[in-house]
Amino acid sequence: MKKPHIFKFAVAYADTDAEGVMYHARYIEVAERARSNLSRDMVIPDGDIGFVAREVNIKYMHPLLLNDEFQVESLTTKIGAASMVIEQKFVKDDKICAIMNITIAYLGGDMHPKAIPESIVNMLKNKKFI
């Protein structure tokens, strides 16, 4: 059974707009930090670029406010030969505040799509992220 990668975060003053609401673009930055945390164990072969964002879709449901503590739950929902889709839920007190889906593509050193290395796929499977 799949389990999400958990990344905890708290909204700081610098993350908010004048009304104390987390700025919409910060969700993308926090999601990137969560994915970076998830990918710490990935070994990108020498010469490859690795993963790059291809498409981002985010739906905001409930605002996050200054000092709110929440977590980003990341789960791979689709994996292809050279790309994958990761769903990232922003959850506070069991309430989903936003859902982001990002398609990331794996690039070789020539900046063209390349098959995701088996070692990366196996790492994600071993941690039950896919």
N, C-alpha and C. Protein backbone atom coordinates (compact mmCIF):
# COMPACT_ATOMS: atom_id res chain seq x y z
N MET A 1 0.83 -1.18 0.00
CA MET A 1 0.00 0.00 0.00
C MET A 1 0.88 1.25 0.00
N LYS A 2 0.51 2.22 -0.82
CA LYS A 2 1.28 3.46 -0.91
C LYS A 2 1.13 4.29 0.36
N LYS A 3 2.18 5.02 0.68
CA LYS A 3 2.09 5.96 1.79
C LYS A 3 2.75 7.27 1.35
N PRO A 4 2.20 8.39 1.78
CA PRO A 4 2.77 9.67 1.33
C PRO A 4 4.05 10.02 2.09
N HIS A 5 4.88 10.78 1.42
CA HIS A 5 6.03 11.40 2.07
C HIS A 5 5.49 12.62 2.82
N ILE A 6 5.91 12.81 4.06
CA ILE A 6 5.41 13.90 4.90
C ILE A 6 6.51 14.95 5.08
N PHE A 7 6.14 16.21 4.85
CA PHE A 7 7.04 17.34 5.05
C PHE A 7 6.29 18.37 5.88
N LYS A 8 6.81 18.68 7.06
CA LYS A 8 6.14 19.63 7.96
C LYS A 8 6.65 21.04 7.74
N PHE A 9 5.74 22.01 7.90
CA PHE A 9 6.07 23.40 7.64
C PHE A 9 5.19 24.29 8.49
N ALA A 10 5.69 25.47 8.83
CA ALA A 10 4.91 26.48 9.55
C ALA A 10 4.97 27.78 8.76
N VAL A 11 3.84 28.46 8.66
CA VAL A 11 3.76 29.70 7.90
C VAL A 11 4.43 30.82 8.69
N ALA A 12 5.44 31.43 8.10
CA ALA A 12 6.16 32.55 8.71
C ALA A 12 5.65 33.86 8.11
N TYR A 13 6.01 34.95 8.74
CA TYR A 13 5.58 36.27 8.29
C TYR A 13 5.96 36.50 6.83
N ALA A 14 7.16 36.08 6.44
CA ALA A 14 7.64 36.28 5.07
C ALA A 14 6.83 35.49 4.04
N ASP A 15 6.04 34.51 4.48
CA ASP A 15 5.24 33.69 3.58
C ASP A 15 3.87 34.30 3.29
N THR A 16 3.53 35.40 3.98
CA THR A 16 2.16 35.90 3.93
C THR A 16 2.04 37.23 3.18
N ASP A 17 0.79 37.54 2.84
CA ASP A 17 0.48 38.84 2.25
C ASP A 17 0.12 39.81 3.38
N ALA A 18 -0.35 40.99 3.04
CA ALA A 18 -0.65 42.02 4.04
C ALA A 18 -1.73 41.61 5.03
N GLU A 19 -2.58 40.65 4.64
CA GLU A 19 -3.66 40.20 5.52
C GLU A 19 -3.27 38.99 6.37
N GLY A 20 -2.03 38.52 6.25
CA GLY A 20 -1.59 37.37 7.04
C GLY A 20 -1.95 36.03 6.43
N VAL A 21 -2.34 36.02 5.15
CA VAL A 21 -2.69 34.79 4.43
C VAL A 21 -1.46 34.35 3.64
N MET A 22 -1.19 33.04 3.65
CA MET A 22 -0.04 32.54 2.90
C MET A 22 -0.23 32.89 1.42
N TYR A 23 0.77 33.55 0.86
CA TYR A 23 0.79 34.00 -0.52
C TYR A 23 0.71 32.80 -1.45
N HIS A 24 -0.09 32.90 -2.50
CA HIS A 24 -0.37 31.75 -3.36
C HIS A 24 0.89 31.13 -3.98
N ALA A 25 1.86 31.93 -4.33
CA ALA A 25 3.07 31.38 -4.96
C ALA A 25 3.94 30.61 -3.97
N ARG A 26 3.80 30.89 -2.68
CA ARG A 26 4.59 30.18 -1.68
C ARG A 26 4.24 28.70 -1.64
N TYR A 27 3.00 28.35 -1.99
CA TYR A 27 2.61 26.95 -2.00
C TYR A 27 3.54 26.17 -2.94
N ILE A 28 3.85 26.76 -4.09
CA ILE A 28 4.71 26.08 -5.06
C ILE A 28 6.12 25.93 -4.48
N GLU A 29 6.61 26.97 -3.81
CA GLU A 29 7.95 26.90 -3.21
C GLU A 29 8.00 25.85 -2.10
N VAL A 30 6.98 25.82 -1.26
CA VAL A 30 6.95 24.82 -0.17
C VAL A 30 6.85 23.41 -0.75
N ALA A 31 6.04 23.25 -1.78
CA ALA A 31 5.92 21.94 -2.43
C ALA A 31 7.27 21.49 -3.00
N GLU A 32 8.02 22.43 -3.55
CA GLU A 32 9.36 22.11 -4.07
C GLU A 32 10.28 21.65 -2.95
N ARG A 33 10.21 22.31 -1.81
CA ARG A 33 11.02 21.88 -0.66
C ARG A 33 10.63 20.48 -0.22
N ALA A 34 9.33 20.19 -0.24
CA ALA A 34 8.87 18.84 0.12
C ALA A 34 9.41 17.80 -0.86
N ARG A 35 9.37 18.12 -2.16
CA ARG A 35 9.90 17.17 -3.16
C ARG A 35 11.41 17.02 -3.02
N SER A 36 12.10 18.11 -2.72
CA SER A 36 13.55 18.03 -2.51
C SER A 36 13.86 17.13 -1.32
N ASN A 37 13.07 17.25 -0.28
CA ASN A 37 13.24 16.40 0.90
C ASN A 37 12.98 14.94 0.54
N LEU A 38 11.95 14.69 -0.25
CA LEU A 38 11.62 13.34 -0.69
C LEU A 38 12.76 12.75 -1.52
N SER A 39 13.39 13.59 -2.33
CA SER A 39 14.39 13.08 -3.29
C SER A 39 15.81 13.00 -2.74
N ARG A 40 15.99 13.22 -1.46
CA ARG A 40 17.35 13.17 -0.88
C ARG A 40 18.08 11.86 -1.16
N ASP A 41 17.33 10.77 -1.21
CA ASP A 41 17.95 9.46 -1.42
C ASP A 41 18.11 9.10 -2.88
N MET A 42 17.65 9.98 -3.79
CA MET A 42 17.80 9.70 -5.21
C MET A 42 19.22 10.01 -5.67
N VAL A 43 19.77 9.11 -6.42
CA VAL A 43 21.10 9.33 -6.99
C VAL A 43 20.92 9.56 -8.49
N ILE A 44 21.20 10.78 -8.92
CA ILE A 44 21.11 11.12 -10.34
C ILE A 44 22.43 10.72 -10.99
N PRO A 45 22.39 9.87 -12.01
CA PRO A 45 23.64 9.46 -12.66
C PRO A 45 24.41 10.66 -13.22
N ASP A 46 25.73 10.57 -13.16
CA ASP A 46 26.58 11.62 -13.70
C ASP A 46 26.19 11.92 -15.14
N GLY A 47 26.12 13.20 -15.46
CA GLY A 47 25.81 13.62 -16.82
C GLY A 47 24.33 13.90 -17.05
N ASP A 48 23.45 13.32 -16.21
CA ASP A 48 22.02 13.58 -16.36
C ASP A 48 21.65 14.87 -15.65
N ILE A 49 20.61 15.52 -16.14
CA ILE A 49 20.07 16.72 -15.49
C ILE A 49 19.21 16.32 -14.30
N GLY A 50 18.40 15.29 -14.48
CA GLY A 50 17.47 14.85 -13.43
C GLY A 50 16.07 15.35 -13.72
N PHE A 51 15.29 15.56 -12.67
CA PHE A 51 13.88 15.94 -12.83
C PHE A 51 13.71 17.45 -12.96
N VAL A 52 12.81 17.84 -13.87
CA VAL A 52 12.44 19.24 -14.05
C VAL A 52 10.91 19.31 -14.12
N ALA A 53 10.37 20.44 -13.66
CA ALA A 53 8.92 20.62 -13.71
C ALA A 53 8.46 20.78 -15.14
N ARG A 54 7.37 20.11 -15.47
CA ARG A 54 6.78 20.21 -16.81
C ARG A 54 5.42 20.89 -16.77
N GLU A 55 4.65 20.59 -15.72
CA GLU A 55 3.31 21.17 -15.60
C GLU A 55 2.92 21.20 -14.13
N VAL A 56 2.28 22.30 -13.71
CA VAL A 56 1.83 22.46 -12.33
C VAL A 56 0.36 22.87 -12.35
N ASN A 57 -0.42 22.21 -11.50
CA ASN A 57 -1.83 22.56 -11.33
C ASN A 57 -2.10 22.57 -9.84
N ILE A 58 -2.68 23.68 -9.34
CA ILE A 58 -2.95 23.78 -7.91
C ILE A 58 -4.35 24.30 -7.68
N LYS A 59 -5.01 23.69 -6.71
CA LYS A 59 -6.35 24.11 -6.31
C LYS A 59 -6.29 24.51 -4.84
N TYR A 60 -6.71 25.75 -4.56
CA TYR A 60 -6.72 26.27 -3.20
C TYR A 60 -8.12 26.10 -2.63
N MET A 61 -8.23 25.50 -1.44
CA MET A 61 -9.54 25.26 -0.84
C MET A 61 -9.77 26.04 0.45
N HIS A 62 -8.75 26.09 1.31
CA HIS A 62 -8.85 26.80 2.59
C HIS A 62 -7.53 27.53 2.81
N PRO A 63 -7.58 28.79 3.20
CA PRO A 63 -6.33 29.54 3.36
C PRO A 63 -5.49 29.05 4.54
N LEU A 64 -4.20 29.15 4.36
CA LEU A 64 -3.26 28.94 5.47
C LEU A 64 -2.85 30.33 5.95
N LEU A 65 -2.78 30.49 7.26
CA LEU A 65 -2.54 31.79 7.87
C LEU A 65 -1.22 31.83 8.62
N LEU A 66 -0.78 33.03 8.95
CA LEU A 66 0.45 33.23 9.71
C LEU A 66 0.46 32.32 10.94
N ASN A 67 1.56 31.63 11.14
CA ASN A 67 1.82 30.70 12.25
C ASN A 67 1.10 29.36 12.15
N ASP A 68 0.32 29.14 11.09
CA ASP A 68 -0.29 27.83 10.91
C ASP A 68 0.79 26.78 10.71
N GLU A 69 0.63 25.65 11.37
CA GLU A 69 1.51 24.51 11.16
C GLU A 69 0.73 23.50 10.30
N PHE A 70 1.38 23.01 9.26
CA PHE A 70 0.72 22.07 8.35
C PHE A 70 1.76 21.11 7.82
N GLN A 71 1.29 20.16 7.03
CA GLN A 71 2.22 19.24 6.37
C GLN A 71 1.86 19.10 4.90
N VAL A 72 2.88 18.82 4.12
CA VAL A 72 2.69 18.52 2.70
C VAL A 72 2.83 17.01 2.57
N GLU A 73 1.78 16.39 2.05
CA GLU A 73 1.77 14.94 1.84
C GLU A 73 1.95 14.68 0.35
N SER A 74 3.10 14.13 -0.01
CA SER A 74 3.45 13.91 -1.42
C SER A 74 3.34 12.43 -1.77
N LEU A 75 2.67 12.17 -2.89
CA LEU A 75 2.49 10.79 -3.34
C LEU A 75 2.55 10.75 -4.86
N THR A 76 3.32 9.83 -5.38
CA THR A 76 3.39 9.66 -6.83
C THR A 76 2.12 8.97 -7.29
N THR A 77 1.38 9.63 -8.19
CA THR A 77 0.11 9.07 -8.65
C THR A 77 0.22 8.42 -10.03
N LYS A 78 1.26 8.77 -10.75
CA LYS A 78 1.45 8.19 -12.09
C LYS A 78 2.93 8.20 -12.40
N ILE A 79 3.40 7.11 -12.97
CA ILE A 79 4.80 7.07 -13.39
C ILE A 79 4.87 6.49 -14.79
N GLY A 80 5.57 7.21 -15.65
CA GLY A 80 5.78 6.77 -17.02
C GLY A 80 7.25 6.47 -17.21
N ALA A 81 7.63 6.26 -18.45
CA ALA A 81 9.02 5.94 -18.74
C ALA A 81 9.96 7.09 -18.38
N ALA A 82 9.56 8.34 -18.70
CA ALA A 82 10.45 9.48 -18.49
C ALA A 82 9.81 10.59 -17.66
N SER A 83 8.64 10.34 -17.08
CA SER A 83 8.00 11.38 -16.27
C SER A 83 7.15 10.75 -15.18
N MET A 84 6.78 11.58 -14.22
CA MET A 84 5.86 11.13 -13.18
C MET A 84 5.02 12.30 -12.72
N VAL A 85 3.86 11.97 -12.15
CA VAL A 85 2.97 12.96 -11.57
C VAL A 85 2.98 12.77 -10.07
N ILE A 86 3.20 13.86 -9.35
CA ILE A 86 3.19 13.82 -7.90
C ILE A 86 2.04 14.69 -7.40
N GLU A 87 1.20 14.10 -6.56
CA GLU A 87 0.12 14.86 -5.92
C GLU A 87 0.64 15.31 -4.56
N GLN A 88 0.46 16.60 -4.27
CA GLN A 88 0.92 17.15 -2.99
C GLN A 88 -0.25 17.85 -2.32
N LYS A 89 -0.62 17.31 -1.16
CA LYS A 89 -1.73 17.88 -0.39
C LYS A 89 -1.16 18.71 0.76
N PHE A 90 -1.69 19.90 0.93
CA PHE A 90 -1.34 20.78 2.04
C PHE A 90 -2.41 20.55 3.11
N VAL A 91 -2.03 19.92 4.22
CA VAL A 91 -3.00 19.47 5.21
C VAL A 91 -2.72 20.12 6.57
N LYS A 92 -3.77 20.72 7.13
CA LYS A 92 -3.71 21.31 8.47
C LYS A 92 -4.85 20.73 9.29
N ASP A 93 -4.53 20.11 10.41
CA ASP A 93 -5.54 19.53 11.29
C ASP A 93 -6.52 18.63 10.52
N ASP A 94 -5.98 17.75 9.69
CA ASP A 94 -6.76 16.80 8.88
C ASP A 94 -7.66 17.46 7.84
N LYS A 95 -7.47 18.74 7.58
CA LYS A 95 -8.25 19.46 6.57
C LYS A 95 -7.32 19.76 5.40
N ILE A 96 -7.75 19.40 4.18
CA ILE A 96 -6.95 19.68 3.00
C ILE A 96 -7.16 21.14 2.62
N CYS A 97 -6.08 21.91 2.62
CA CYS A 97 -6.13 23.34 2.31
C CYS A 97 -5.84 23.61 0.84
N ALA A 98 -5.04 22.76 0.22
CA ALA A 98 -4.72 22.90 -1.19
C ALA A 98 -4.23 21.55 -1.71
N ILE A 99 -4.43 21.34 -3.00
CA ILE A 99 -3.90 20.14 -3.66
C ILE A 99 -3.16 20.60 -4.90
N MET A 100 -1.93 20.15 -5.01
CA MET A 100 -1.11 20.47 -6.18
C MET A 100 -0.72 19.18 -6.88
N ASN A 101 -0.85 19.18 -8.19
CA ASN A 101 -0.35 18.08 -9.00
C ASN A 101 0.74 18.64 -9.90
N ILE A 102 1.88 18.00 -9.86
CA ILE A 102 3.00 18.45 -10.69
C ILE A 102 3.50 17.27 -11.52
N THR A 103 3.70 17.53 -12.80
CA THR A 103 4.32 16.55 -13.68
C THR A 103 5.78 16.92 -13.78
N ILE A 104 6.64 15.97 -13.47
CA ILE A 104 8.08 16.21 -13.59
C ILE A 104 8.63 15.24 -14.63
N ALA A 105 9.54 15.74 -15.44
CA ALA A 105 10.15 14.94 -16.50
C ALA A 105 11.61 14.72 -16.17
N TYR A 106 12.11 13.56 -16.53
CA TYR A 106 13.52 13.23 -16.31
C TYR A 106 14.29 13.54 -17.59
N LEU A 107 15.37 14.34 -17.44
CA LEU A 107 16.17 14.74 -18.59
C LEU A 107 17.59 14.19 -18.49
N GLY A 108 18.10 13.78 -19.64
CA GLY A 108 19.50 13.40 -19.73
C GLY A 108 20.36 14.65 -19.91
N GLY A 109 21.63 14.47 -20.01
CA GLY A 109 22.56 15.58 -20.18
C GLY A 109 22.36 16.39 -21.44
N ASP A 110 21.67 15.82 -22.41
CA ASP A 110 21.41 16.53 -23.66
C ASP A 110 20.12 17.36 -23.60
N MET A 111 19.53 17.45 -22.41
CA MET A 111 18.30 18.21 -22.16
C MET A 111 17.08 17.60 -22.85
N HIS A 112 17.14 16.32 -23.20
CA HIS A 112 16.01 15.61 -23.79
C HIS A 112 15.48 14.59 -22.79
N PRO A 113 14.18 14.25 -22.90
CA PRO A 113 13.63 13.23 -21.99
C PRO A 113 14.41 11.93 -22.08
N LYS A 114 14.53 11.30 -20.93
CA LYS A 114 15.28 10.05 -20.82
C LYS A 114 14.54 9.16 -19.81
N ALA A 115 14.63 7.87 -19.97
CA ALA A 115 13.98 6.95 -19.04
C ALA A 115 14.48 7.21 -17.61
N ILE A 116 13.54 7.20 -16.69
CA ILE A 116 13.89 7.36 -15.28
C ILE A 116 14.74 6.16 -14.87
N PRO A 117 15.91 6.40 -14.27
CA PRO A 117 16.77 5.27 -13.88
C PRO A 117 16.04 4.30 -12.94
N GLU A 118 16.28 3.03 -13.15
CA GLU A 118 15.66 1.99 -12.34
C GLU A 118 15.97 2.15 -10.85
N SER A 119 17.16 2.68 -10.53
CA SER A 119 17.52 2.88 -9.12
C SER A 119 16.58 3.88 -8.45
N ILE A 120 16.15 4.89 -9.18
CA ILE A 120 15.22 5.88 -8.62
C ILE A 120 13.84 5.27 -8.46
N VAL A 121 13.38 4.54 -9.46
CA VAL A 121 12.08 3.88 -9.38
C VAL A 121 12.07 2.90 -8.20
N ASN A 122 13.14 2.13 -8.05
CA ASN A 122 13.22 1.17 -6.94
C ASN A 122 13.21 1.86 -5.59
N MET A 123 13.91 2.99 -5.46
CA MET A 123 13.92 3.72 -4.20
C MET A 123 12.51 4.19 -3.85
N LEU A 124 11.79 4.72 -4.84
CA LEU A 124 10.43 5.18 -4.60
C LEU A 124 9.51 4.00 -4.22
N LYS A 125 9.70 2.86 -4.87
CA LYS A 125 8.90 1.67 -4.54
C LYS A 125 9.23 1.16 -3.13
N ASN A 126 10.50 1.14 -2.79
CA ASN A 126 10.91 0.65 -1.47
C ASN A 126 10.32 1.50 -0.34
N LYS A 127 10.19 2.79 -0.59
CA LYS A 127 9.62 3.68 0.42
C LYS A 127 8.10 3.77 0.29
N LYS A 128 7.55 2.99 -0.65
CA LYS A 128 6.11 2.92 -0.90
C LYS A 128 5.51 4.25 -1.34
N PHE A 129 6.32 5.09 -2.00
CA PHE A 129 5.81 6.35 -2.54
C PHE A 129 5.13 6.14 -3.89
N ILE A 130 5.36 4.97 -4.50
CA ILE A 130 4.66 4.63 -5.75
C ILE A 130 4.13 3.21 -5.62
